C-alpha cells in the first residue's frame, strides 16, 4: 500500500535541528500535561507535532 504524503515516514535527517528541538520540547510538555490527565492539552501538543512533521514532509518532497 503506497504512503500518502501525510503518512510517509520521515528519516531523522529530514528534520532540521530546530524541528527536532521543537518536537522534543513538545514531547516533554505532553508528558507533563498527561500526569494530571489533561487530554485536551495533550491533543493540542500532538497536533502541533503533526503540523511540524507535515511541513518537514512537504519540504523533503519538494527537494
Protein backbone atom coordinates (compact mmCIF):
# COMPACT_ATOMS: atom_id res chain seq x y z
CA UNK A 1 0.00 0.00 0.00
CA UNK A 2 1.59 3.31 -1.03
CA UNK A 3 2.01 6.05 1.51
CA UNK A 4 0.22 9.33 1.11
CA UNK A 5 2.45 12.37 1.70
CA UNK A 6 0.99 12.71 5.18
CA UNK A 7 1.69 9.06 6.09
CA UNK A 8 5.19 8.76 4.65
CA UNK A 9 7.68 8.07 7.44
CA UNK A 10 10.41 10.66 7.84
CA UNK A 11 14.06 9.91 8.24
CA UNK A 12 15.72 11.65 11.16
CA UNK A 13 17.98 13.52 8.70
CA UNK A 14 14.97 15.11 7.02
CA UNK A 15 14.21 17.18 10.12
CA UNK A 16 16.09 20.38 10.87
CA UNK A 17 17.73 20.89 14.25
CA UNK A 18 15.03 23.38 15.15
CA UNK A 19 12.26 20.91 14.27
CA UNK A 20 13.93 18.17 16.34
CA UNK A 21 14.25 20.52 19.30
CA UNK A 22 10.67 21.71 19.00
CA UNK A 23 9.34 18.12 18.81
CA UNK A 24 11.41 17.15 21.85
CA UNK A 25 10.11 20.17 23.77
CA UNK A 26 6.52 19.35 22.79
CA UNK A 27 7.08 15.74 23.88
CA UNK A 28 8.14 16.92 27.32
CA UNK A 29 5.11 19.20 27.51
CA UNK A 30 2.84 16.28 26.51
CA UNK A 31 4.30 14.14 29.30
CA UNK A 32 3.86 16.92 31.82
CA UNK A 33 0.26 17.54 30.71
CA UNK A 34 -0.63 13.85 30.84
CA UNK A 35 0.34 13.46 34.52
CA UNK A 36 -2.84 15.16 35.79
CA UNK A 37 -4.79 13.63 32.88
CA UNK A 38 -5.35 16.74 30.76
CA UNK A 39 -6.11 15.00 27.45
CA UNK A 40 -7.21 18.19 25.69
CA UNK A 41 -3.78 19.74 26.16
CA UNK A 42 -2.03 16.55 25.05
CA UNK A 43 -4.11 16.52 21.85
CA UNK A 44 -3.15 20.16 21.23
CA UNK A 45 0.55 19.32 21.53
CA UNK A 46 0.10 16.26 19.28
CA UNK A 47 -1.50 18.47 16.60
CA UNK A 48 1.50 20.80 16.87
CA UNK A 49 3.90 17.86 16.36
CA UNK A 50 1.84 16.62 13.39
CA UNK A 51 1.97 20.10 11.86
CA UNK A 52 5.78 20.20 12.19
CA UNK A 53 6.10 16.74 10.61
CA UNK A 54 3.75 17.67 7.74
CA UNK A 55 5.85 20.76 6.95
CA UNK A 56 9.02 18.67 7.04
CA UNK A 57 7.49 16.10 4.65
CA UNK A 58 6.42 18.81 2.21
CA UNK A 59 9.89 20.37 2.32
CA UNK A 60 11.60 16.98 1.81
CA UNK A 61 9.30 16.09 -1.08
CA UNK A 62 9.92 19.46 -2.77
CA UNK A 63 13.69 18.98 -2.62
